[in-house]
């Protein structure tokens, strides 16, 4: 039996402020760049500095998630504020996305 240790590369994407209809296209563009332009196998969206997200922001996040899936990349989210997490829960997308309380909790899954 052979075993191979794989070193996983992680790209952290850290948006800030508000993600709403006013800037959802810009957010999607930056997220798409992070998904496409990195050869790393894992994209971690650290939402620790997101204060507000509306449905347009959530749709941009879904599009980024679908793109990552099509490229066989892991797409995870961490550090979601309670006021933003409720959006995921109300839409039941907390069952679709891998959401972690912190970067440390996420990294624990890599061991």
N, C-alpha and C. Protein backbone atom coordinates (compact mmCIF):
# COMPACT_ATOMS: atom_id res chain seq x y z
N UNK A 1 0.84 -1.17 0.00
CA UNK A 1 0.00 0.00 0.00
C UNK A 1 0.89 1.24 0.00
N UNK A 2 0.65 2.12 -0.92
CA UNK A 2 1.40 3.37 -1.02
C UNK A 2 0.54 4.52 -0.52
N UNK A 3 1.17 5.47 0.09
CA UNK A 3 0.44 6.68 0.48
C UNK A 3 1.23 7.88 -0.02
N UNK A 4 0.50 8.86 -0.42
CA UNK A 4 1.10 10.08 -0.94
C UNK A 4 0.59 11.26 -0.13
N UNK A 5 1.50 12.08 0.31
CA UNK A 5 1.11 13.28 1.04
C UNK A 5 0.89 14.39 0.02
N UNK A 6 -0.29 14.94 0.03
CA UNK A 6 -0.62 16.02 -0.89
C UNK A 6 -0.56 17.35 -0.15
N UNK A 7 0.16 18.30 -0.72
CA UNK A 7 0.20 19.63 -0.13
C UNK A 7 -0.87 20.47 -0.82
N UNK A 8 -1.82 20.91 -0.05
CA UNK A 8 -2.91 21.71 -0.61
C UNK A 8 -2.60 23.18 -0.50
N UNK A 9 -2.82 23.87 -1.56
CA UNK A 9 -2.66 25.31 -1.58
C UNK A 9 -4.02 25.96 -1.38
N UNK A 10 -4.03 27.00 -0.59
CA UNK A 10 -5.27 27.69 -0.26
C UNK A 10 -5.17 29.15 -0.67
N UNK A 11 -6.19 29.63 -1.35
CA UNK A 11 -6.31 31.05 -1.65
C UNK A 11 -7.39 31.61 -0.74
N UNK A 12 -7.05 32.64 0.02
CA UNK A 12 -8.03 33.30 0.88
C UNK A 12 -8.52 34.56 0.18
N UNK A 13 -9.81 34.69 0.04
CA UNK A 13 -10.46 35.85 -0.56
C UNK A 13 -11.17 36.56 0.58
N UNK A 14 -10.84 37.84 0.81
CA UNK A 14 -11.36 38.56 1.97
C UNK A 14 -12.06 39.86 1.56
N UNK A 15 -13.34 39.77 1.23
CA UNK A 15 -14.08 40.99 0.92
C UNK A 15 -14.35 41.80 2.18
N UNK A 16 -14.69 43.08 1.99
CA UNK A 16 -14.92 43.96 3.14
C UNK A 16 -16.17 44.81 2.92
N UNK A 17 -16.78 45.19 4.02
CA UNK A 17 -17.88 46.15 3.98
C UNK A 17 -19.22 45.55 3.63
N UNK A 18 -19.87 46.18 2.67
CA UNK A 18 -21.21 45.78 2.25
C UNK A 18 -21.12 45.09 0.90
N UNK A 19 -21.90 44.03 0.71
CA UNK A 19 -22.03 43.39 -0.59
C UNK A 19 -23.51 43.44 -0.92
N UNK A 20 -23.84 44.35 -1.84
CA UNK A 20 -25.25 44.59 -2.17
C UNK A 20 -25.39 44.78 -3.67
N UNK A 21 -26.59 45.09 -4.10
CA UNK A 21 -26.86 45.31 -5.52
C UNK A 21 -25.95 46.41 -6.08
N UNK A 22 -25.56 47.35 -5.25
CA UNK A 22 -24.72 48.46 -5.69
C UNK A 22 -23.32 48.02 -6.12
N UNK A 23 -22.81 46.95 -5.52
CA UNK A 23 -21.44 46.53 -5.87
C UNK A 23 -21.32 45.02 -6.12
N UNK A 24 -22.44 44.34 -6.34
CA UNK A 24 -22.41 42.88 -6.54
C UNK A 24 -21.62 42.49 -7.78
N UNK A 25 -21.71 43.27 -8.84
CA UNK A 25 -20.96 42.94 -10.06
C UNK A 25 -19.46 43.05 -9.83
N UNK A 26 -19.04 44.07 -9.11
CA UNK A 26 -17.62 44.22 -8.77
C UNK A 26 -17.16 43.06 -7.88
N UNK A 27 -17.98 42.72 -6.88
CA UNK A 27 -17.69 41.59 -6.00
C UNK A 27 -17.56 40.30 -6.81
N UNK A 28 -18.51 40.06 -7.72
CA UNK A 28 -18.47 38.86 -8.55
C UNK A 28 -17.22 38.83 -9.42
N UNK A 29 -16.84 39.97 -9.97
CA UNK A 29 -15.63 40.04 -10.78
C UNK A 29 -14.38 39.67 -10.00
N UNK A 30 -14.27 40.20 -8.79
CA UNK A 30 -13.11 39.89 -7.94
C UNK A 30 -13.12 38.43 -7.50
N UNK A 31 -14.31 37.92 -7.18
CA UNK A 31 -14.43 36.52 -6.78
C UNK A 31 -14.10 35.59 -7.95
N UNK A 32 -14.59 35.93 -9.13
CA UNK A 32 -14.30 35.14 -10.33
C UNK A 32 -12.81 35.11 -10.60
N UNK A 33 -12.15 36.26 -10.47
CA UNK A 33 -10.70 36.31 -10.65
C UNK A 33 -9.99 35.40 -9.66
N UNK A 34 -10.44 35.43 -8.41
CA UNK A 34 -9.82 34.59 -7.38
C UNK A 34 -10.00 33.11 -7.71
N UNK A 35 -11.16 32.75 -8.23
CA UNK A 35 -11.42 31.35 -8.56
C UNK A 35 -10.62 30.93 -9.79
N UNK A 36 -10.63 31.75 -10.83
CA UNK A 36 -10.00 31.39 -12.10
C UNK A 36 -8.48 31.53 -12.11
N UNK A 37 -7.98 32.56 -11.52
CA UNK A 37 -6.58 32.91 -11.70
C UNK A 37 -5.62 32.21 -10.75
N UNK A 38 -6.13 31.52 -9.80
CA UNK A 38 -5.27 30.81 -8.87
C UNK A 38 -5.28 29.33 -9.22
N UNK A 39 -4.14 28.71 -9.20
CA UNK A 39 -4.07 27.28 -9.48
C UNK A 39 -4.31 26.46 -8.22
N UNK A 40 -4.51 27.15 -7.12
CA UNK A 40 -4.71 26.47 -5.84
C UNK A 40 -6.01 25.66 -5.88
N UNK A 41 -6.03 24.58 -5.14
CA UNK A 41 -7.19 23.71 -5.17
C UNK A 41 -8.31 24.15 -4.24
N UNK A 42 -8.03 25.09 -3.36
CA UNK A 42 -9.02 25.50 -2.36
C UNK A 42 -9.17 27.03 -2.34
N UNK A 43 -10.41 27.48 -2.36
CA UNK A 43 -10.69 28.90 -2.18
C UNK A 43 -11.47 29.06 -0.89
N UNK A 44 -10.94 29.86 0.02
CA UNK A 44 -11.60 30.16 1.28
C UNK A 44 -12.04 31.62 1.26
N UNK A 45 -13.34 31.83 1.33
CA UNK A 45 -13.90 33.18 1.38
C UNK A 45 -14.06 33.54 2.85
N UNK A 46 -13.20 34.43 3.33
CA UNK A 46 -13.23 34.88 4.72
C UNK A 46 -14.12 36.12 4.80
N UNK A 47 -15.30 35.95 5.38
CA UNK A 47 -16.28 37.02 5.42
C UNK A 47 -16.27 37.78 6.74
N UNK A 48 -15.16 37.73 7.43
CA UNK A 48 -15.05 38.38 8.73
C UNK A 48 -15.26 39.88 8.71
N UNK A 49 -15.04 40.51 7.56
CA UNK A 49 -15.20 41.96 7.48
C UNK A 49 -16.40 42.38 6.63
N UNK A 50 -17.30 41.43 6.36
CA UNK A 50 -18.55 41.75 5.66
C UNK A 50 -19.59 42.15 6.69
N UNK A 51 -20.09 43.35 6.56
CA UNK A 51 -21.08 43.87 7.51
C UNK A 51 -22.52 43.60 7.07
N UNK A 52 -22.72 43.48 5.75
CA UNK A 52 -24.07 43.32 5.21
C UNK A 52 -23.98 42.63 3.87
N UNK A 53 -24.95 41.75 3.60
CA UNK A 53 -25.04 41.12 2.29
C UNK A 53 -26.51 40.97 1.94
N UNK A 54 -26.88 41.41 0.74
CA UNK A 54 -28.26 41.25 0.29
C UNK A 54 -28.33 40.12 -0.73
N UNK A 55 -29.48 39.95 -1.34
CA UNK A 55 -29.68 38.84 -2.27
C UNK A 55 -28.77 38.93 -3.50
N UNK A 56 -28.45 40.14 -3.94
CA UNK A 56 -27.55 40.28 -5.09
C UNK A 56 -26.14 39.82 -4.72
N UNK A 57 -25.71 40.13 -3.53
CA UNK A 57 -24.41 39.65 -3.06
C UNK A 57 -24.40 38.14 -2.90
N UNK A 58 -25.49 37.61 -2.39
CA UNK A 58 -25.60 36.16 -2.24
C UNK A 58 -25.58 35.46 -3.59
N UNK A 59 -26.24 36.04 -4.58
CA UNK A 59 -26.24 35.45 -5.92
C UNK A 59 -24.84 35.47 -6.52
N UNK A 60 -24.08 36.52 -6.28
CA UNK A 60 -22.70 36.57 -6.76
C UNK A 60 -21.87 35.48 -6.09
N UNK A 61 -22.10 35.24 -4.83
CA UNK A 61 -21.39 34.18 -4.12
C UNK A 61 -21.74 32.81 -4.68
N UNK A 62 -23.01 32.61 -5.02
CA UNK A 62 -23.45 31.35 -5.63
C UNK A 62 -22.77 31.14 -6.98
N UNK A 63 -22.68 32.20 -7.77
CA UNK A 63 -22.02 32.09 -9.08
C UNK A 63 -20.55 31.73 -8.93
N UNK A 64 -19.89 32.33 -7.94
CA UNK A 64 -18.50 31.97 -7.68
C UNK A 64 -18.36 30.53 -7.24
N UNK A 65 -19.29 30.07 -6.42
CA UNK A 65 -19.31 28.68 -5.96
C UNK A 65 -19.48 27.73 -7.14
N UNK A 66 -20.42 28.03 -8.02
CA UNK A 66 -20.64 27.17 -9.20
C UNK A 66 -19.41 27.13 -10.10
N UNK A 67 -18.76 28.27 -10.27
CA UNK A 67 -17.55 28.30 -11.08
C UNK A 67 -16.47 27.43 -10.45
N UNK A 68 -16.29 27.54 -9.15
CA UNK A 68 -15.31 26.72 -8.45
C UNK A 68 -15.63 25.23 -8.63
N UNK A 69 -16.89 24.88 -8.52
CA UNK A 69 -17.29 23.48 -8.72
C UNK A 69 -16.93 23.01 -10.12
N UNK A 70 -17.18 23.85 -11.12
CA UNK A 70 -16.88 23.45 -12.50
C UNK A 70 -15.39 23.26 -12.74
N UNK A 71 -14.57 23.91 -11.90
CA UNK A 71 -13.11 23.78 -12.01
C UNK A 71 -12.56 22.77 -11.00
N UNK A 72 -13.46 22.03 -10.36
CA UNK A 72 -13.08 21.03 -9.36
C UNK A 72 -12.26 21.61 -8.22
N UNK A 73 -12.68 22.79 -7.77
CA UNK A 73 -12.01 23.44 -6.64
C UNK A 73 -12.93 23.44 -5.44
N UNK A 74 -12.35 23.27 -4.28
CA UNK A 74 -13.11 23.36 -3.04
C UNK A 74 -13.38 24.84 -2.76
N UNK A 75 -14.60 25.15 -2.36
CA UNK A 75 -15.03 26.52 -2.10
C UNK A 75 -15.65 26.54 -0.71
N UNK A 76 -15.01 27.21 0.22
CA UNK A 76 -15.48 27.25 1.60
C UNK A 76 -15.60 28.69 2.06
N UNK A 77 -16.40 28.89 3.09
CA UNK A 77 -16.66 30.21 3.65
C UNK A 77 -16.38 30.15 5.15
N UNK A 78 -15.83 31.23 5.70
CA UNK A 78 -15.61 31.26 7.15
C UNK A 78 -15.90 32.66 7.70
N UNK A 79 -15.99 32.72 9.00
CA UNK A 79 -16.10 33.97 9.76
C UNK A 79 -17.31 34.82 9.34
N UNK A 80 -18.45 34.19 9.22
CA UNK A 80 -19.66 34.90 8.80
C UNK A 80 -20.33 35.51 10.02
N UNK A 81 -20.57 36.81 9.96
CA UNK A 81 -21.25 37.52 11.05
C UNK A 81 -22.68 37.00 11.19
N UNK A 82 -23.21 37.00 12.40
CA UNK A 82 -24.59 36.52 12.61
C UNK A 82 -25.62 37.23 11.72
N UNK A 83 -25.44 38.53 11.50
CA UNK A 83 -26.40 39.27 10.67
C UNK A 83 -26.36 38.84 9.21
N UNK A 84 -25.23 38.31 8.77
CA UNK A 84 -25.09 37.82 7.39
C UNK A 84 -25.46 36.33 7.35
N UNK A 85 -25.11 35.61 8.37
CA UNK A 85 -25.39 34.17 8.40
C UNK A 85 -26.90 33.89 8.30
N UNK A 86 -27.71 34.78 8.84
CA UNK A 86 -29.16 34.59 8.78
C UNK A 86 -29.64 34.53 7.32
N UNK A 87 -28.96 35.24 6.43
CA UNK A 87 -29.31 35.20 5.01
C UNK A 87 -29.09 33.79 4.46
N UNK A 88 -27.98 33.16 4.84
CA UNK A 88 -27.71 31.79 4.43
C UNK A 88 -28.74 30.83 5.01
N UNK A 89 -29.11 31.04 6.26
CA UNK A 89 -30.05 30.15 6.92
C UNK A 89 -31.46 30.28 6.35
N UNK A 90 -31.90 31.51 6.10
CA UNK A 90 -33.24 31.73 5.55
C UNK A 90 -33.40 31.14 4.15
N UNK A 91 -32.34 31.16 3.39
CA UNK A 91 -32.37 30.60 2.03
C UNK A 91 -31.95 29.14 2.00
N UNK A 92 -31.62 28.60 3.15
CA UNK A 92 -31.15 27.23 3.33
C UNK A 92 -29.85 26.94 2.57
N UNK A 93 -29.13 27.99 2.26
CA UNK A 93 -27.84 27.81 1.60
C UNK A 93 -26.74 27.45 2.59
N UNK A 94 -27.05 27.51 3.88
CA UNK A 94 -26.08 27.03 4.87
C UNK A 94 -25.91 25.52 4.75
N UNK A 95 -26.84 24.86 4.06
CA UNK A 95 -26.72 23.42 3.80
C UNK A 95 -25.96 23.13 2.51
N UNK A 96 -25.73 24.16 1.70
CA UNK A 96 -25.04 24.00 0.42
C UNK A 96 -23.57 24.37 0.56
N UNK A 97 -23.31 25.51 1.17
CA UNK A 97 -21.94 25.98 1.35
C UNK A 97 -21.29 25.31 2.56
N UNK A 98 -19.99 25.11 2.47
CA UNK A 98 -19.20 24.71 3.63
C UNK A 98 -18.91 25.99 4.40
N UNK A 99 -19.51 26.15 5.57
CA UNK A 99 -19.34 27.36 6.35
C UNK A 99 -18.69 27.00 7.68
N UNK A 100 -17.59 27.69 7.98
CA UNK A 100 -16.84 27.45 9.21
C UNK A 100 -16.86 28.70 10.06
N UNK A 101 -16.77 28.52 11.38
CA UNK A 101 -16.79 29.65 12.30
C UNK A 101 -15.55 30.53 12.15
N UNK A 102 -14.42 29.93 11.82
CA UNK A 102 -13.16 30.68 11.72
C UNK A 102 -12.21 30.00 10.73
N UNK A 103 -11.14 30.70 10.40
CA UNK A 103 -10.11 30.10 9.53
C UNK A 103 -9.49 28.89 10.22
N UNK A 104 -9.34 28.96 11.53
CA UNK A 104 -8.76 27.85 12.28
C UNK A 104 -9.63 26.60 12.18
N UNK A 105 -10.95 26.79 12.28
CA UNK A 105 -11.86 25.65 12.14
C UNK A 105 -11.77 25.05 10.74
N UNK A 106 -11.64 25.90 9.75
CA UNK A 106 -11.47 25.43 8.39
C UNK A 106 -10.18 24.64 8.24
N UNK A 107 -9.08 25.20 8.74
CA UNK A 107 -7.78 24.55 8.61
C UNK A 107 -7.73 23.21 9.33
N UNK A 108 -8.53 23.05 10.37
CA UNK A 108 -8.58 21.78 11.08
C UNK A 108 -9.11 20.65 10.19
N UNK A 109 -9.89 21.00 9.16
CA UNK A 109 -10.42 19.98 8.26
C UNK A 109 -9.39 19.50 7.25
N UNK A 110 -8.25 20.20 7.18
CA UNK A 110 -7.23 19.85 6.20
C UNK A 110 -6.24 18.82 6.72
N UNK A 111 -6.27 18.60 8.02
CA UNK A 111 -5.29 17.67 8.62
C UNK A 111 -5.56 16.23 8.23
